[in-house]
């Protein structure tokens, strides 16, 4: 069962914000490589959109435990 706050807004701590910025910068750098080197087309679109989803899930992993409980 998921934590009751799983679908509520969770304000990240200052430390979590720093971690998110580092992960987001790495995700952006990888996105730039994908964008520069993959040929245009639907596969590229799926890859970049999926990568964006992964980057968003990284934020969740930084702020919550697998059951949705907020990390302190």
PDB file of N, CA and C in Angstrom:
ATOM      1  N   UNK A   1       0.844  -1.182   0.000  1.00  0.00           N
ATOM      2  CA  UNK A   1       0.000   0.000   0.000  1.00  0.00           C
ATOM      3  C   UNK A   1       0.889   1.245   0.000  1.00  0.00           C
ATOM      4  N   UNK A   2       0.478   2.218  -0.771  1.00  0.00           N
ATOM      5  CA  UNK A   2       1.233   3.460  -0.876  1.00  0.00           C
ATOM      6  C   UNK A   2       0.932   4.371   0.311  1.00  0.00           C
ATOM      7  N   UNK A   3       1.903   5.192   0.673  1.00  0.00           N
ATOM      8  CA  UNK A   3       1.756   6.166   1.751  1.00  0.00           C
ATOM      9  C   UNK A   3       0.634   7.141   1.391  1.00  0.00           C
ATOM     10  N   UNK A   4      -0.070   7.631   2.380  1.00  0.00           N
ATOM     11  CA  UNK A   4      -1.230   8.503   2.138  1.00  0.00           C
ATOM     12  C   UNK A   4      -0.859   9.798   1.423  1.00  0.00           C
ATOM     13  N   UNK A   5       0.395  10.225   1.509  1.00  0.00           N
ATOM     14  CA  UNK A   5       0.800  11.480   0.867  1.00  0.00           C
ATOM     15  C   UNK A   5       1.423  11.267  -0.517  1.00  0.00           C
ATOM     16  N   UNK A   6       1.387  10.029  -1.024  1.00  0.00           N
ATOM     17  CA  UNK A   6       2.054   9.713  -2.285  1.00  0.00           C
ATOM     18  C   UNK A   6       1.623  10.638  -3.424  1.00  0.00           C
ATOM     19  N   UNK A   7       0.376  10.993  -3.518  1.00  0.00           N
ATOM     20  CA  UNK A   7      -0.122  11.803  -4.625  1.00  0.00           C
ATOM     21  C   UNK A   7      -0.306  13.267  -4.244  1.00  0.00           C
ATOM     22  N   UNK A   8       0.271  13.655  -3.133  1.00  0.00           N
ATOM     23  CA  UNK A   8       0.216  15.050  -2.700  1.00  0.00           C
ATOM     24  C   UNK A   8       1.556  15.722  -3.000  1.00  0.00           C
ATOM     25  N   UNK A   9       1.534  17.048  -3.039  1.00  0.00           N
ATOM     26  CA  UNK A   9       2.762  17.794  -3.251  1.00  0.00           C
ATOM     27  C   UNK A   9       3.684  17.584  -2.056  1.00  0.00           C
ATOM     28  N   UNK A  10       4.947  17.357  -2.344  1.00  0.00           N
ATOM     29  CA  UNK A  10       5.948  17.199  -1.295  1.00  0.00           C
ATOM     30  C   UNK A  10       7.065  18.189  -1.574  1.00  0.00           C
ATOM     31  N   UNK A  11       7.180  19.198  -0.739  1.00  0.00           N
ATOM     32  CA  UNK A  11       8.231  20.193  -0.932  1.00  0.00           C
ATOM     33  C   UNK A  11       9.567  19.560  -0.584  1.00  0.00           C
ATOM     34  N   UNK A  12      10.520  19.547  -1.538  1.00  0.00           N
ATOM     35  CA  UNK A  12      11.835  18.962  -1.260  1.00  0.00           C
ATOM     36  C   UNK A  12      12.603  19.794  -0.239  1.00  0.00           C
ATOM     37  N   UNK A  13      13.455  19.115   0.513  1.00  0.00           N
ATOM     38  CA  UNK A  13      14.343  19.816   1.432  1.00  0.00           C
ATOM     39  C   UNK A  13      15.421  20.521   0.615  1.00  0.00           C
ATOM     40  N   UNK A  14      16.166  21.402   1.247  1.00  0.00           N
ATOM     41  CA  UNK A  14      17.256  22.086   0.550  1.00  0.00           C
ATOM     42  C   UNK A  14      18.285  21.090   0.022  1.00  0.00           C
ATOM     43  N   UNK A  15      18.588  20.067   0.806  1.00  0.00           N
ATOM     44  CA  UNK A  15      19.543  19.050   0.365  1.00  0.00           C
ATOM     45  C   UNK A  15      18.989  18.275  -0.835  1.00  0.00           C
ATOM     46  N   UNK A  16      17.706  17.932  -0.786  1.00  0.00           N
ATOM     47  CA  UNK A  16      17.092  17.224  -1.901  1.00  0.00           C
ATOM     48  C   UNK A  16      17.085  18.093  -3.160  1.00  0.00           C
ATOM     49  N   UNK A  17      16.865  19.392  -2.999  1.00  0.00           N
ATOM     50  CA  UNK A  17      16.915  20.300  -4.143  1.00  0.00           C
ATOM     51  C   UNK A  17      18.300  20.321  -4.772  1.00  0.00           C
ATOM     52  N   UNK A  18      19.339  20.283  -3.951  1.00  0.00           N
ATOM     53  CA  UNK A  18      20.711  20.228  -4.484  1.00  0.00           C
ATOM     54  C   UNK A  18      20.928  18.935  -5.255  1.00  0.00           C
ATOM     55  N   UNK A  19      20.459  17.822  -4.705  1.00  0.00           N
ATOM     56  CA  UNK A  19      20.595  16.530  -5.390  1.00  0.00           C
ATOM     57  C   UNK A  19      19.819  16.539  -6.708  1.00  0.00           C
ATOM     58  N   UNK A  20      18.621  17.091  -6.689  1.00  0.00           N
ATOM     59  CA  UNK A  20      17.809  17.170  -7.901  1.00  0.00           C
ATOM     60  C   UNK A  20      18.504  17.990  -8.985  1.00  0.00           C
ATOM     61  N   UNK A  21      19.133  19.082  -8.588  1.00  0.00           N
ATOM     62  CA  UNK A  21      19.829  19.935  -9.560  1.00  0.00           C
ATOM     63  C   UNK A  21      20.973  19.174 -10.225  1.00  0.00           C
ATOM     64  N   UNK A  22      21.688  18.378  -9.452  1.00  0.00           N
ATOM     65  CA  UNK A  22      22.793  17.592 -10.004  1.00  0.00           C
ATOM     66  C   UNK A  22      22.268  16.551 -10.990  1.00  0.00           C
ATOM     67  N   UNK A  23      21.229  15.832 -10.583  1.00  0.00           N
ATOM     68  CA  UNK A  23      20.646  14.798 -11.449  1.00  0.00           C
ATOM     69  C   UNK A  23      20.034  15.442 -12.694  1.00  0.00           C
ATOM     70  N   UNK A  24      19.361  16.583 -12.519  1.00  0.00           N
ATOM     71  CA  UNK A  24      18.745  17.265 -13.652  1.00  0.00           C
ATOM     72  C   UNK A  24      19.802  17.740 -14.654  1.00  0.00           C
ATOM     73  N   UNK A  25      20.931  18.237 -14.174  1.00  0.00           N
ATOM     74  CA  UNK A  25      22.013  18.661 -15.064  1.00  0.00           C
ATOM     75  C   UNK A  25      22.566  17.472 -15.851  1.00  0.00           C
ATOM     76  N   UNK A  26      22.710  16.336 -15.189  1.00  0.00           N
ATOM     77  CA  UNK A  26      23.189  15.129 -15.878  1.00  0.00           C
ATOM     78  C   UNK A  26      22.168  14.661 -16.916  1.00  0.00           C
ATOM     79  N   UNK A  27      20.886  14.718 -16.565  1.00  0.00           N
ATOM     80  CA  UNK A  27      19.836  14.322 -17.500  1.00  0.00           C
ATOM     81  C   UNK A  27      19.829  15.259 -18.714  1.00  0.00           C
ATOM     82  N   UNK A  28      20.016  16.542 -18.475  1.00  0.00           N
ATOM     83  CA  UNK A  28      20.058  17.508 -19.579  1.00  0.00           C
ATOM     84  C   UNK A  28      21.245  17.235 -20.480  1.00  0.00           C
ATOM     85  N   UNK A  29      22.402  16.930 -19.895  1.00  0.00           N
ATOM     86  CA  UNK A  29      23.594  16.632 -20.696  1.00  0.00           C
ATOM     87  C   UNK A  29      23.351  15.399 -21.571  1.00  0.00           C
ATOM     88  N   UNK A  30      22.748  14.369 -21.009  1.00  0.00           N
ATOM     89  CA  UNK A  30      22.453  13.163 -21.786  1.00  0.00           C
ATOM     90  C   UNK A  30      21.428  13.465 -22.875  1.00  0.00           C
ATOM     91  N   UNK A  31      20.422  14.283 -22.547  1.00  0.00           N
ATOM     92  CA  UNK A  31      19.443  14.684 -23.548  1.00  0.00           C
ATOM     93  C   UNK A  31      20.131  15.378 -24.726  1.00  0.00           C
ATOM     94  N   UNK A  32      21.090  16.226 -24.436  1.00  0.00           N
ATOM     95  CA  UNK A  32      21.787  16.935 -25.500  1.00  0.00           C
ATOM     96  C   UNK A  32      22.540  15.971 -26.413  1.00  0.00           C
ATOM     97  N   UNK A  33      23.121  14.917 -25.825  1.00  0.00           N
ATOM     98  CA  UNK A  33      23.802  13.893 -26.630  1.00  0.00           C
ATOM     99  C   UNK A  33      22.782  13.149 -27.495  1.00  0.00           C
ATOM    100  N   UNK A  34      21.677  12.742 -26.895  1.00  0.00           N
ATOM    101  CA  UNK A  34      20.644  12.048 -27.664  1.00  0.00           C
ATOM    102  C   UNK A  34      20.146  12.921 -28.810  1.00  0.00           C
ATOM    103  N   UNK A  35      19.877  14.168 -28.517  1.00  0.00           N
ATOM    104  CA  UNK A  35      19.346  15.071 -29.524  1.00  0.00           C
ATOM    105  C   UNK A  35      20.342  15.297 -30.659  1.00  0.00           C
ATOM    106  N   UNK A  36      21.614  15.382 -30.313  1.00  0.00           N
ATOM    107  CA  UNK A  36      22.639  15.642 -31.327  1.00  0.00           C
ATOM    108  C   UNK A  36      22.937  14.429 -32.201  1.00  0.00           C
ATOM    109  N   UNK A  37      22.850  13.228 -31.645  1.00  0.00           N
ATOM    110  CA  UNK A  37      23.336  12.055 -32.348  1.00  0.00           C
ATOM    111  C   UNK A  37      22.281  11.107 -32.877  1.00  0.00           C
ATOM    112  N   UNK A  38      21.067  11.209 -32.402  1.00  0.00           N
ATOM    113  CA  UNK A  38      20.023  10.322 -32.924  1.00  0.00           C
ATOM    114  C   UNK A  38      19.389  10.940 -34.164  1.00  0.00           C
ATOM    115  N   UNK A  39      19.102  10.124 -35.166  1.00  0.00           N
ATOM    116  CA  UNK A  39      18.446  10.667 -36.351  1.00  0.00           C
ATOM    117  C   UNK A  39      17.005  11.053 -36.029  1.00  0.00           C
ATOM    118  N   UNK A  40      16.497  12.078 -36.709  1.00  0.00           N
ATOM    119  CA  UNK A  40      15.105  12.485 -36.476  1.00  0.00           C
ATOM    120  C   UNK A  40      14.131  11.346 -36.768  1.00  0.00           C
ATOM    121  N   UNK A  41      13.055  11.345 -36.045  1.00  0.00           N
ATOM    122  CA  UNK A  41      12.016  10.356 -36.292  1.00  0.00           C
ATOM    123  C   UNK A  41      11.304   9.965 -35.026  1.00  0.00           C
ATOM    124  N   UNK A  42      10.336   9.066 -35.155  1.00  0.00           N
ATOM    125  CA  UNK A  42       9.523   8.682 -33.999  1.00  0.00           C
ATOM    126  C   UNK A  42      10.323   7.965 -32.915  1.00  0.00           C
ATOM    127  N   UNK A  43      11.353   7.204 -33.285  1.00  0.00           N
ATOM    128  CA  UNK A  43      12.155   6.527 -32.261  1.00  0.00           C
ATOM    129  C   UNK A  43      12.882   7.542 -31.385  1.00  0.00           C
ATOM    130  N   UNK A  44      13.438   8.565 -32.017  1.00  0.00           N
ATOM    131  CA  UNK A  44      14.118   9.619 -31.257  1.00  0.00           C
ATOM    132  C   UNK A  44      13.142  10.302 -30.308  1.00  0.00           C
ATOM    133  N   UNK A  45      11.946  10.571 -30.809  1.00  0.00           N
ATOM    134  CA  UNK A  45      10.933  11.209 -29.971  1.00  0.00           C
ATOM    135  C   UNK A  45      10.615  10.357 -28.747  1.00  0.00           C
ATOM    136  N   UNK A  46      10.411   9.071 -28.950  1.00  0.00           N
ATOM    137  CA  UNK A  46      10.108   8.166 -27.836  1.00  0.00           C
ATOM    138  C   UNK A  46      11.277   8.114 -26.862  1.00  0.00           C
ATOM    139  N   UNK A  47      12.484   8.018 -27.378  1.00  0.00           N
ATOM    140  CA  UNK A  47      13.665   7.932 -26.507  1.00  0.00           C
ATOM    141  C   UNK A  47      13.786   9.184 -25.652  1.00  0.00           C
ATOM    142  N   UNK A  48      13.656  10.353 -26.257  1.00  0.00           N
ATOM    143  CA  UNK A  48      13.812  11.592 -25.491  1.00  0.00           C
ATOM    144  C   UNK A  48      12.665  11.768 -24.496  1.00  0.00           C
ATOM    145  N   UNK A  49      11.454  11.438 -24.883  1.00  0.00           N
ATOM    146  CA  UNK A  49      10.326  11.556 -23.943  1.00  0.00           C
ATOM    147  C   UNK A  49      10.457  10.562 -22.793  1.00  0.00           C
ATOM    148  N   UNK A  50      10.918   9.364 -23.095  1.00  0.00           N
ATOM    149  CA  UNK A  50      11.125   8.371 -22.041  1.00  0.00           C
ATOM    150  C   UNK A  50      12.240   8.816 -21.100  1.00  0.00           C
ATOM    151  N   UNK A  51      13.284   9.389 -21.665  1.00  0.00           N
ATOM    152  CA  UNK A  51      14.375   9.902 -20.829  1.00  0.00           C
ATOM    153  C   UNK A  51      13.858  11.009 -19.901  1.00  0.00           C
ATOM    154  N   UNK A  52      12.988  11.860 -20.426  1.00  0.00           N
ATOM    155  CA  UNK A  52      12.400  12.921 -19.591  1.00  0.00           C
ATOM    156  C   UNK A  52      11.584  12.316 -18.457  1.00  0.00           C
ATOM    157  N   UNK A  53      10.839  11.277 -18.753  1.00  0.00           N
ATOM    158  CA  UNK A  53      10.085  10.578 -17.710  1.00  0.00           C
ATOM    159  C   UNK A  53      11.025  10.015 -16.653  1.00  0.00           C
ATOM    160  N   UNK A  54      12.121   9.413 -17.090  1.00  0.00           N
ATOM    161  CA  UNK A  54      13.106   8.880 -16.138  1.00  0.00           C
ATOM    162  C   UNK A  54      13.654   9.981 -15.249  1.00  0.00           C
ATOM    163  N   UNK A  55      13.917  11.139 -15.835  1.00  0.00           N
ATOM    164  CA  UNK A  55      14.440  12.257 -15.044  1.00  0.00           C
ATOM    165  C   UNK A  55      13.421  12.700 -13.990  1.00  0.00           C
ATOM    166  N   UNK A  56      12.140  12.689 -14.350  1.00  0.00           N
ATOM    167  CA  UNK A  56      11.111  13.071 -13.378  1.00  0.00           C
ATOM    168  C   UNK A  56      11.009  12.032 -12.259  1.00  0.00           C
ATOM    169  N   UNK A  57      11.127  10.741 -12.623  1.00  0.00           N
ATOM    170  CA  UNK A  57      11.094   9.696 -11.598  1.00  0.00           C
ATOM    171  C   UNK A  57      12.307   9.791 -10.689  1.00  0.00           C
ATOM    172  N   UNK A  58      13.416  10.278 -11.194  1.00  0.00           N
ATOM    173  CA  UNK A  58      14.599  10.469 -10.339  1.00  0.00           C
ATOM    174  C   UNK A  58      14.278  11.445  -9.214  1.00  0.00           C
ATOM    175  N   UNK A  59      13.502  12.486  -9.512  1.00  0.00           N
ATOM    176  CA  UNK A  59      13.096  13.420  -8.462  1.00  0.00           C
ATOM    177  C   UNK A  59      12.263  12.715  -7.400  1.00  0.00           C
ATOM    178  N   UNK A  60      11.378  11.837  -7.834  1.00  0.00           N
ATOM    179  CA  UNK A  60      10.570  11.078  -6.874  1.00  0.00           C
ATOM    180  C   UNK A  60      11.471  10.211  -6.000  1.00  0.00           C
ATOM    181  N   UNK A  61      12.448   9.560  -6.618  1.00  0.00           N
ATOM    182  CA  UNK A  61      13.354   8.697  -5.853  1.00  0.00           C
ATOM    183  C   UNK A  61      14.153   9.491  -4.826  1.00  0.00           C
ATOM    184  N   UNK A  62      14.452  10.744  -5.148  1.00  0.00           N
ATOM    185  CA  UNK A  62      15.196  11.589  -4.212  1.00  0.00           C
ATOM    186  C   UNK A  62      14.321  11.997  -3.034  1.00  0.00           C
ATOM    187  N   UNK A  63      13.034  12.209  -3.268  1.00  0.00           N
ATOM    188  CA  UNK A  63      12.167  12.735  -2.211  1.00  0.00           C
ATOM    189  C   UNK A  63      11.331  11.701  -1.470  1.00  0.00           C
ATOM    190  N   UNK A  64      11.170  10.493  -2.057  1.00  0.00           N
ATOM    191  CA  UNK A  64      10.281   9.507  -1.430  1.00  0.00           C
ATOM    192  C   UNK A  64      10.904   8.120  -1.409  1.00  0.00           C
ATOM    193  N   UNK A  65      10.526   7.350  -0.411  1.00  0.00           N
ATOM    194  CA  UNK A  65      10.872   5.931  -0.348  1.00  0.00           C
ATOM    195  C   UNK A  65       9.954   5.193  -1.335  1.00  0.00           C
ATOM    196  N   UNK A  66      10.274   3.937  -1.673  1.00  0.00           N
ATOM    197  CA  UNK A  66       9.456   3.197  -2.646  1.00  0.00           C
ATOM    198  C   UNK A  66       7.961   3.128  -2.299  1.00  0.00           C
ATOM    199  N   UNK A  67       7.613   3.164  -1.021  1.00  0.00           N
ATOM    200  CA  UNK A  67       6.193   3.089  -0.646  1.00  0.00           C
ATOM    201  C   UNK A  67       5.527   4.467  -0.627  1.00  0.00           C
ATOM    202  N   UNK A  68       6.246   5.508  -1.047  1.00  0.00           N
ATOM    203  CA  UNK A  68       5.698   6.850  -1.079  1.00  0.00           C
ATOM    204  C   UNK A  68       5.959   7.670   0.169  1.00  0.00           C
ATOM    205  N   UNK A  69       6.499   7.041   1.195  1.00  0.00           N
ATOM    206  CA  UNK A  69       6.815   7.764   2.432  1.00  0.00           C
ATOM    207  C   UNK A  69       7.871   8.819   2.139  1.00  0.00           C
ATOM    208  N   UNK A  70       7.657  10.060   2.598  1.00  0.00           N
ATOM    209  CA  UNK A  70       8.640  11.104   2.353  1.00  0.00           C
ATOM    210  C   UNK A  70       9.996  10.775   3.002  1.00  0.00           C
ATOM    211  N   UNK A  71      11.077  11.059   2.247  1.00  0.00           N
ATOM    212  CA  UNK A  71      12.417  10.933   2.828  1.00  0.00           C
ATOM    213  C   UNK A  71      12.695  12.190   3.636  1.00  0.00           C
ATOM    214  N   UNK A  72      13.410  12.034   4.714  1.00  0.00           N
ATOM    215  CA  UNK A  72      13.723  13.209   5.525  1.00  0.00           C
ATOM    216  C   UNK A  72      15.090  13.750   5.183  1.00  0.00           C
TER     217      UNK A  72
END
